[in-house]
Amino acid sequence: MAEDGYVTQAEAQAALREPVTLRRRSAEETAVADFFTEEVRRQLVARFGEEGFYEGGLSVRTTVQPRLQQLADRALRDGLAAYDRKRGWRGPVTKLDPGAADWRERLAGTDPGFELG
């Protein structure tokens, strides 16, 4: 940070002498809504610029509720998996040999309303 001009050399040396302590984040502090968080970041950068966003000391509160977001994410994944099991694509019904004489009739036969011109 001193090399980039964010703090003085004296401040950097003082910080290096301080002990490093770890603190676990609470669920509220952990970003679980990646797309939501990214959209908030994009809007703030558009409003304040890159420098204002990263160096401006902003404190941002949003409407996201981590526990509800986790439940919504799980519900979406489970719903998509269930939909795929019932209606997902499972490969071709049949294979047609374009060299066969009857390929046009066979193709039309897979859909009664289909006419090949």
N, C-alpha and C. Protein backbone atom coordinates (compact mmCIF):
# COMPACT_ATOMS: atom_id res chain seq x y z
N MET A 1 0.82 -1.18 0.00
CA MET A 1 0.00 0.00 0.00
C MET A 1 0.87 1.25 0.00
N ALA A 2 2.02 1.14 0.65
CA ALA A 2 2.92 2.29 0.66
C ALA A 2 3.46 2.54 -0.74
N GLU A 3 3.78 1.46 -1.47
CA GLU A 3 4.30 1.61 -2.83
C GLU A 3 3.29 2.29 -3.74
N ASP A 4 2.00 2.05 -3.50
CA ASP A 4 0.96 2.65 -4.33
C ASP A 4 0.47 3.99 -3.79
N GLY A 5 1.04 4.45 -2.67
CA GLY A 5 0.71 5.77 -2.16
C GLY A 5 -0.52 5.85 -1.28
N TYR A 6 -1.04 4.72 -0.85
CA TYR A 6 -2.23 4.73 0.01
C TYR A 6 -1.88 5.06 1.46
N VAL A 7 -0.69 4.66 1.90
CA VAL A 7 -0.21 4.98 3.25
C VAL A 7 1.24 5.44 3.13
N THR A 8 1.70 6.13 4.17
CA THR A 8 3.10 6.57 4.18
C THR A 8 3.99 5.40 4.55
N GLN A 9 5.30 5.56 4.34
CA GLN A 9 6.26 4.51 4.72
C GLN A 9 6.21 4.29 6.22
N ALA A 10 6.07 5.36 7.00
CA ALA A 10 5.99 5.23 8.46
C ALA A 10 4.76 4.43 8.87
N GLU A 11 3.63 4.70 8.23
CA GLU A 11 2.41 3.95 8.53
C GLU A 11 2.56 2.48 8.16
N ALA A 12 3.22 2.22 7.05
CA ALA A 12 3.44 0.84 6.61
C ALA A 12 4.32 0.10 7.62
N GLN A 13 5.40 0.75 8.08
CA GLN A 13 6.29 0.12 9.06
C GLN A 13 5.57 -0.14 10.38
N ALA A 14 4.74 0.80 10.80
CA ALA A 14 3.98 0.63 12.05
C ALA A 14 3.00 -0.54 11.90
N ALA A 15 2.38 -0.66 10.76
CA ALA A 15 1.43 -1.75 10.53
C ALA A 15 2.14 -3.10 10.54
N LEU A 16 3.35 -3.14 10.00
CA LEU A 16 4.11 -4.39 9.98
C LEU A 16 4.47 -4.87 11.38
N ARG A 17 4.60 -3.94 12.32
CA ARG A 17 4.95 -4.32 13.69
C ARG A 17 3.74 -4.82 14.49
N GLU A 18 2.54 -4.56 14.02
CA GLU A 18 1.35 -5.00 14.75
C GLU A 18 1.12 -6.49 14.54
N PRO A 19 0.62 -7.18 15.58
CA PRO A 19 0.33 -8.61 15.42
C PRO A 19 -0.87 -8.82 14.50
N VAL A 20 -0.84 -9.93 13.77
CA VAL A 20 -1.94 -10.27 12.88
C VAL A 20 -2.95 -11.10 13.67
N THR A 21 -4.20 -10.67 13.65
CA THR A 21 -5.25 -11.43 14.32
C THR A 21 -6.31 -11.80 13.29
N LEU A 22 -6.89 -12.96 13.47
CA LEU A 22 -7.92 -13.44 12.56
C LEU A 22 -9.28 -13.34 13.22
N ARG A 23 -10.27 -13.02 12.42
CA ARG A 23 -11.64 -12.96 12.89
C ARG A 23 -12.51 -13.59 11.83
N ARG A 24 -13.30 -14.57 12.22
CA ARG A 24 -14.20 -15.23 11.26
C ARG A 24 -15.35 -14.30 10.92
N ARG A 25 -15.75 -14.35 9.67
CA ARG A 25 -16.90 -13.56 9.24
C ARG A 25 -18.19 -14.23 9.67
N SER A 26 -19.17 -13.42 9.97
CA SER A 26 -20.49 -13.97 10.26
C SER A 26 -21.19 -14.25 8.94
N ALA A 27 -22.31 -14.97 8.99
CA ALA A 27 -23.06 -15.29 7.77
C ALA A 27 -23.50 -14.02 7.07
N GLU A 28 -23.81 -12.98 7.85
CA GLU A 28 -24.27 -11.73 7.25
C GLU A 28 -23.16 -11.03 6.48
N GLU A 29 -21.91 -11.25 6.88
CA GLU A 29 -20.79 -10.60 6.21
C GLU A 29 -20.30 -11.36 4.99
N THR A 30 -20.69 -12.60 4.86
CA THR A 30 -20.23 -13.44 3.76
C THR A 30 -21.15 -13.25 2.57
N ALA A 31 -20.57 -12.93 1.44
CA ALA A 31 -21.38 -12.72 0.23
C ALA A 31 -21.84 -14.07 -0.31
N VAL A 32 -23.14 -14.30 -0.28
CA VAL A 32 -23.69 -15.53 -0.83
C VAL A 32 -24.44 -15.27 -2.12
N ALA A 33 -24.71 -14.03 -2.40
CA ALA A 33 -25.49 -13.67 -3.59
C ALA A 33 -24.54 -13.08 -4.63
N ASP A 34 -23.78 -13.95 -5.27
CA ASP A 34 -22.73 -13.49 -6.17
C ASP A 34 -23.23 -12.55 -7.26
N PHE A 35 -24.33 -12.90 -7.92
CA PHE A 35 -24.82 -12.07 -9.01
C PHE A 35 -25.36 -10.75 -8.48
N PHE A 36 -26.06 -10.79 -7.36
CA PHE A 36 -26.60 -9.59 -6.73
C PHE A 36 -25.45 -8.67 -6.31
N THR A 37 -24.45 -9.25 -5.65
CA THR A 37 -23.31 -8.49 -5.19
C THR A 37 -22.57 -7.85 -6.36
N GLU A 38 -22.39 -8.58 -7.44
CA GLU A 38 -21.71 -8.03 -8.61
C GLU A 38 -22.51 -6.89 -9.22
N GLU A 39 -23.83 -7.00 -9.26
CA GLU A 39 -24.65 -5.92 -9.80
C GLU A 39 -24.55 -4.67 -8.93
N VAL A 40 -24.53 -4.84 -7.63
CA VAL A 40 -24.35 -3.70 -6.72
C VAL A 40 -23.00 -3.05 -6.99
N ARG A 41 -21.96 -3.88 -7.12
CA ARG A 41 -20.61 -3.35 -7.40
C ARG A 41 -20.60 -2.56 -8.69
N ARG A 42 -21.23 -3.10 -9.74
CA ARG A 42 -21.25 -2.41 -11.04
C ARG A 42 -21.96 -1.07 -10.95
N GLN A 43 -23.07 -1.03 -10.23
CA GLN A 43 -23.81 0.23 -10.10
C GLN A 43 -23.02 1.26 -9.31
N LEU A 44 -22.33 0.81 -8.26
CA LEU A 44 -21.53 1.75 -7.48
C LEU A 44 -20.34 2.28 -8.28
N VAL A 45 -19.70 1.41 -9.05
CA VAL A 45 -18.59 1.87 -9.90
C VAL A 45 -19.11 2.86 -10.93
N ALA A 46 -20.29 2.60 -11.50
CA ALA A 46 -20.86 3.53 -12.48
C ALA A 46 -21.16 4.88 -11.83
N ARG A 47 -21.57 4.86 -10.59
CA ARG A 47 -21.94 6.10 -9.91
C ARG A 47 -20.73 6.86 -9.36
N PHE A 48 -19.78 6.15 -8.75
CA PHE A 48 -18.66 6.79 -8.07
C PHE A 48 -17.32 6.63 -8.79
N GLY A 49 -17.27 5.80 -9.83
CA GLY A 49 -16.02 5.53 -10.52
C GLY A 49 -15.21 4.47 -9.78
N GLU A 50 -14.24 3.90 -10.48
CA GLU A 50 -13.39 2.85 -9.89
C GLU A 50 -12.68 3.37 -8.64
N GLU A 51 -12.09 4.54 -8.75
CA GLU A 51 -11.33 5.09 -7.63
C GLU A 51 -12.24 5.36 -6.43
N GLY A 52 -13.38 5.97 -6.69
CA GLY A 52 -14.31 6.25 -5.60
C GLY A 52 -14.84 5.00 -4.94
N PHE A 53 -15.04 3.96 -5.75
CA PHE A 53 -15.54 2.70 -5.20
C PHE A 53 -14.49 2.01 -4.35
N TYR A 54 -13.27 1.86 -4.90
CA TYR A 54 -12.25 1.10 -4.20
C TYR A 54 -11.50 1.90 -3.14
N GLU A 55 -11.46 3.21 -3.28
CA GLU A 55 -10.66 4.02 -2.36
C GLU A 55 -11.49 5.02 -1.57
N GLY A 56 -12.78 5.09 -1.82
CA GLY A 56 -13.59 6.13 -1.21
C GLY A 56 -14.11 5.83 0.18
N GLY A 57 -13.83 4.66 0.72
CA GLY A 57 -14.28 4.33 2.07
C GLY A 57 -15.78 4.16 2.18
N LEU A 58 -16.40 3.65 1.12
CA LEU A 58 -17.85 3.47 1.12
C LEU A 58 -18.27 2.39 2.11
N SER A 59 -19.41 2.59 2.71
CA SER A 59 -20.06 1.57 3.52
C SER A 59 -21.39 1.30 2.84
N VAL A 60 -21.61 0.06 2.42
CA VAL A 60 -22.78 -0.26 1.61
C VAL A 60 -23.66 -1.27 2.34
N ARG A 61 -24.94 -0.97 2.38
CA ARG A 61 -25.93 -1.91 2.92
C ARG A 61 -26.90 -2.23 1.80
N THR A 62 -27.28 -3.49 1.70
CA THR A 62 -28.21 -3.90 0.65
C THR A 62 -29.40 -4.62 1.28
N THR A 63 -30.34 -4.97 0.43
CA THR A 63 -31.54 -5.67 0.89
C THR A 63 -31.36 -7.17 0.97
N VAL A 64 -30.22 -7.69 0.50
CA VAL A 64 -30.04 -9.14 0.47
C VAL A 64 -29.99 -9.70 1.89
N GLN A 65 -30.65 -10.83 2.07
CA GLN A 65 -30.63 -11.55 3.34
C GLN A 65 -29.97 -12.90 3.07
N PRO A 66 -28.75 -13.11 3.57
CA PRO A 66 -27.97 -14.30 3.21
C PRO A 66 -28.71 -15.62 3.38
N ARG A 67 -29.39 -15.81 4.48
CA ARG A 67 -30.08 -17.10 4.70
C ARG A 67 -31.18 -17.31 3.67
N LEU A 68 -31.96 -16.27 3.40
CA LEU A 68 -33.01 -16.39 2.40
C LEU A 68 -32.42 -16.61 1.01
N GLN A 69 -31.28 -15.99 0.72
CA GLN A 69 -30.62 -16.17 -0.57
C GLN A 69 -30.15 -17.61 -0.72
N GLN A 70 -29.60 -18.19 0.35
CA GLN A 70 -29.17 -19.59 0.29
C GLN A 70 -30.36 -20.50 0.01
N LEU A 71 -31.48 -20.24 0.68
CA LEU A 71 -32.68 -21.05 0.45
C LEU A 71 -33.19 -20.90 -0.98
N ALA A 72 -33.16 -19.67 -1.50
CA ALA A 72 -33.61 -19.43 -2.87
C ALA A 72 -32.69 -20.13 -3.87
N ASP A 73 -31.38 -20.06 -3.65
CA ASP A 73 -30.42 -20.74 -4.53
C ASP A 73 -30.68 -22.25 -4.54
N ARG A 74 -30.88 -22.82 -3.36
CA ARG A 74 -31.12 -24.26 -3.27
C ARG A 74 -32.43 -24.63 -3.97
N ALA A 75 -33.47 -23.82 -3.76
CA ALA A 75 -34.77 -24.10 -4.39
C ALA A 75 -34.64 -24.05 -5.91
N LEU A 76 -33.90 -23.08 -6.43
CA LEU A 76 -33.71 -22.98 -7.88
C LEU A 76 -32.95 -24.19 -8.41
N ARG A 77 -31.85 -24.56 -7.77
CA ARG A 77 -31.07 -25.72 -8.22
C ARG A 77 -31.91 -26.99 -8.19
N ASP A 78 -32.64 -27.19 -7.09
CA ASP A 78 -33.48 -28.39 -6.97
C ASP A 78 -34.58 -28.39 -8.03
N GLY A 79 -35.19 -27.23 -8.27
CA GLY A 79 -36.24 -27.13 -9.28
C GLY A 79 -35.73 -27.40 -10.68
N LEU A 80 -34.55 -26.87 -11.00
CA LEU A 80 -33.97 -27.12 -12.33
C LEU A 80 -33.61 -28.59 -12.50
N ALA A 81 -33.09 -29.20 -11.45
CA ALA A 81 -32.74 -30.62 -11.54
C ALA A 81 -34.00 -31.46 -11.73
N ALA A 82 -35.08 -31.13 -11.01
CA ALA A 82 -36.34 -31.88 -11.15
C ALA A 82 -36.92 -31.69 -12.55
N TYR A 83 -36.87 -30.48 -13.07
CA TYR A 83 -37.36 -30.21 -14.42
C TYR A 83 -36.56 -31.01 -15.44
N ASP A 84 -35.25 -31.02 -15.28
CA ASP A 84 -34.40 -31.75 -16.22
C ASP A 84 -34.70 -33.25 -16.18
N ARG A 85 -34.94 -33.79 -15.00
CA ARG A 85 -35.26 -35.23 -14.90
C ARG A 85 -36.56 -35.54 -15.64
N LYS A 86 -37.53 -34.63 -15.60
CA LYS A 86 -38.82 -34.89 -16.24
C LYS A 86 -38.83 -34.54 -17.72
N ARG A 87 -38.21 -33.42 -18.08
CA ARG A 87 -38.37 -32.92 -19.45
C ARG A 87 -37.05 -32.60 -20.16
N GLY A 88 -35.95 -32.92 -19.55
CA GLY A 88 -34.66 -32.57 -20.13
C GLY A 88 -34.38 -33.32 -21.42
N TRP A 89 -33.46 -32.80 -22.19
CA TRP A 89 -33.07 -33.41 -23.46
C TRP A 89 -32.30 -34.68 -23.17
N ARG A 90 -32.66 -35.76 -23.81
CA ARG A 90 -32.01 -37.04 -23.56
C ARG A 90 -31.38 -37.62 -24.82
N GLY A 91 -31.09 -36.79 -25.77
CA GLY A 91 -30.47 -37.27 -26.99
C GLY A 91 -31.49 -37.46 -28.09
N PRO A 92 -31.05 -37.82 -29.28
CA PRO A 92 -31.96 -37.96 -30.41
C PRO A 92 -32.88 -39.17 -30.25
N VAL A 93 -34.09 -39.04 -30.79
CA VAL A 93 -35.04 -40.14 -30.77
C VAL A 93 -34.55 -41.25 -31.70
N THR A 94 -34.00 -40.83 -32.82
CA THR A 94 -33.49 -41.79 -33.80
C THR A 94 -32.36 -41.13 -34.58
N LYS A 95 -31.66 -41.91 -35.34
CA LYS A 95 -30.61 -41.39 -36.21
C LYS A 95 -31.00 -41.68 -37.65
N LEU A 96 -30.82 -40.69 -38.50
CA LEU A 96 -31.14 -40.86 -39.91
C LEU A 96 -29.86 -40.91 -40.72
N ASP A 97 -29.83 -41.82 -41.64
CA ASP A 97 -28.71 -41.93 -42.56
C ASP A 97 -29.05 -41.12 -43.80
N PRO A 98 -28.36 -39.99 -44.03
CA PRO A 98 -28.70 -39.16 -45.19
C PRO A 98 -28.48 -39.87 -46.52
N GLY A 99 -27.74 -40.96 -46.52
CA GLY A 99 -27.53 -41.72 -47.74
C GLY A 99 -28.66 -42.70 -48.05
N ALA A 100 -29.52 -42.94 -47.06
CA ALA A 100 -30.63 -43.88 -47.26
C ALA A 100 -31.69 -43.24 -48.14
N ALA A 101 -32.34 -44.06 -48.96
CA ALA A 101 -33.34 -43.56 -49.90
C ALA A 101 -34.57 -43.01 -49.18
N ASP A 102 -34.91 -43.55 -48.02
CA ASP A 102 -36.15 -43.14 -47.36
C ASP A 102 -35.95 -42.14 -46.22
N TRP A 103 -34.83 -41.44 -46.18
CA TRP A 103 -34.57 -40.55 -45.04
C TRP A 103 -35.60 -39.43 -44.93
N ARG A 104 -36.11 -38.93 -46.07
CA ARG A 104 -37.11 -37.87 -46.03
C ARG A 104 -38.41 -38.38 -45.40
N GLU A 105 -38.83 -39.56 -45.78
CA GLU A 105 -40.06 -40.13 -45.23
C GLU A 105 -39.91 -40.42 -43.73
N ARG A 106 -38.75 -40.92 -43.36
CA ARG A 106 -38.51 -41.22 -41.95
C ARG A 106 -38.48 -39.94 -41.12
N LEU A 107 -37.90 -38.86 -41.67
CA LEU A 107 -37.87 -37.59 -40.96
C LEU A 107 -39.28 -37.04 -40.79
N ALA A 108 -40.05 -37.06 -41.84
CA ALA A 108 -41.44 -36.59 -41.77
C ALA A 108 -42.25 -37.46 -40.83
N GLY A 109 -41.91 -38.73 -40.72
CA GLY A 109 -42.65 -39.65 -39.87
C GLY A 109 -42.49 -39.38 -38.38
N THR A 110 -41.45 -38.63 -37.98
CA THR A 110 -41.26 -38.34 -36.56
C THR A 110 -42.22 -37.26 -36.08
N ASP A 111 -42.79 -36.47 -37.00
CA ASP A 111 -43.75 -35.42 -36.66
C ASP A 111 -44.84 -35.44 -37.72
N PRO A 112 -46.05 -35.88 -37.40
CA PRO A 112 -47.11 -36.03 -38.40
C PRO A 112 -47.42 -34.75 -39.16
N GLY A 113 -47.23 -33.57 -38.56
CA GLY A 113 -47.55 -32.32 -39.25
C GLY A 113 -46.39 -31.76 -40.04
N PHE A 114 -45.28 -32.46 -40.08
CA PHE A 114 -44.08 -31.95 -40.72
C PHE A 114 -44.04 -32.36 -42.19
N GLU A 115 -43.77 -31.38 -43.05
CA GLU A 115 -43.59 -31.68 -44.47
C GLU A 115 -42.25 -31.14 -44.91
N LEU A 116 -41.48 -31.98 -45.54
CA LEU A 116 -40.18 -31.57 -46.03
C LEU A 116 -40.33 -31.18 -47.49
N GLY A 117 -40.02 -29.91 -47.81
CA GLY A 117 -40.25 -29.41 -49.17
C GLY A 117 -39.18 -29.66 -50.13
